[in-house]
Structures are given as C-alpha cells and as structure tokens.
Protein backbone atom coordinates (compact mmCIF):
# COMPACT_ATOMS: atom_id res chain seq x y z
CA UNK A 1 0.00 0.00 0.00
CA UNK A 2 1.37 3.39 -1.00
CA UNK A 3 0.87 6.36 1.33
CA UNK A 4 0.63 9.77 -0.30
CA UNK A 5 1.44 12.91 1.72
CA UNK A 6 -1.26 15.60 1.91
CA UNK A 7 -0.87 18.49 -0.52
CA UNK A 8 -1.44 22.00 0.78
CA UNK A 9 -2.10 25.31 -0.93
CA UNK A 10 0.48 28.07 -0.50
CA UNK A 11 -0.30 31.62 -1.71
CA UNK A 12 1.85 34.68 -2.32
CA UNK A 13 1.70 38.26 -3.60
CA UNK A 14 4.88 39.55 -5.24
CA UNK A 15 6.00 42.90 -3.83
CA UNK A 16 7.92 43.66 -7.04
CA UNK A 17 5.29 43.12 -9.77
CA UNK A 18 2.10 42.58 -7.72
CA UNK A 19 1.37 39.10 -9.12
CA UNK A 20 -0.81 36.91 -6.89
CA UNK A 21 0.28 33.31 -7.17
CA UNK A 22 -0.26 29.95 -5.59
CA UNK A 23 1.60 26.68 -5.22
CA UNK A 24 0.43 23.20 -4.31
CA UNK A 25 3.18 21.38 -2.45
CA UNK A 26 3.55 18.51 -0.04
CA UNK A 27 2.99 19.73 3.50
CA UNK A 28 6.39 20.87 4.79
CA UNK A 29 6.27 24.16 6.68
CA UNK A 30 3.85 27.05 7.27
CA UNK A 31 5.92 29.30 4.95
CA UNK A 32 7.95 28.60 1.81
CA UNK A 33 10.36 30.89 -0.03
CA UNK A 34 10.06 30.64 -3.82
CA UNK A 35 10.33 32.74 -6.98
CA UNK A 36 7.46 34.72 -8.49
CA UNK A 37 6.22 32.90 -11.58
CA UNK A 38 6.01 36.21 -13.52
CA UNK A 39 9.12 38.26 -12.69
CA UNK A 40 11.31 35.78 -10.77
CA UNK A 41 11.62 37.92 -7.63
CA UNK A 42 11.94 36.06 -4.34
CA UNK A 43 8.59 35.82 -2.53
CA UNK A 44 7.34 34.29 0.68
CA UNK A 45 4.48 31.88 0.08
CA UNK A 46 2.29 31.25 3.10
CA UNK A 47 0.19 28.20 3.89
CA UNK A 48 -3.42 28.98 3.00
CA UNK A 49 -4.86 26.41 5.38
CA UNK A 50 -6.54 24.25 2.76
CA UNK A 51 -5.49 20.62 2.59
CA UNK A 52 -6.10 18.34 -0.37
CA UNK A 53 -6.02 14.65 0.37
CA UNK A 54 -4.86 12.34 -2.37
CA UNK A 55 -6.29 8.84 -2.46
CA UNK A 56 -4.56 5.85 -4.01
CA UNK A 57 -6.32 4.56 -7.09
CA UNK A 58 -7.44 0.91 -6.95
CA UNK A 59 -5.14 -1.55 -8.71
C-alpha cells in the first residue's frame, strides 16, 4: 500500500510586480520561499490552510 502525503495550498503576492500566485506542495512548513512565476523575484508563500487529500487509485 502506498501512502501519499497531503498536498497544501500556498499563496503569495509579489511585492515587485504585484502578481498573486499559488503553489500546491507537499505539506512541509507554514511558509515557503520561492520565486514569483512572472518576474522571478523572491517571494514568501504562506500556507493557505486548505489541505487536499490524495487517495490511491485501486489496482
């Protein structure tokens, strides 16, 4: 049986270009540093609180 880690939504707003973005990553920490998908500036993505559970498909 394979166990899949929960995926959480992280959101950010770039202070350089104003882009609002989001990431879906395995649950790691409340905050993640990443690059803005538009201008490449470093941004702090924060956990949005939503959790998506992934279920294993039947064999």
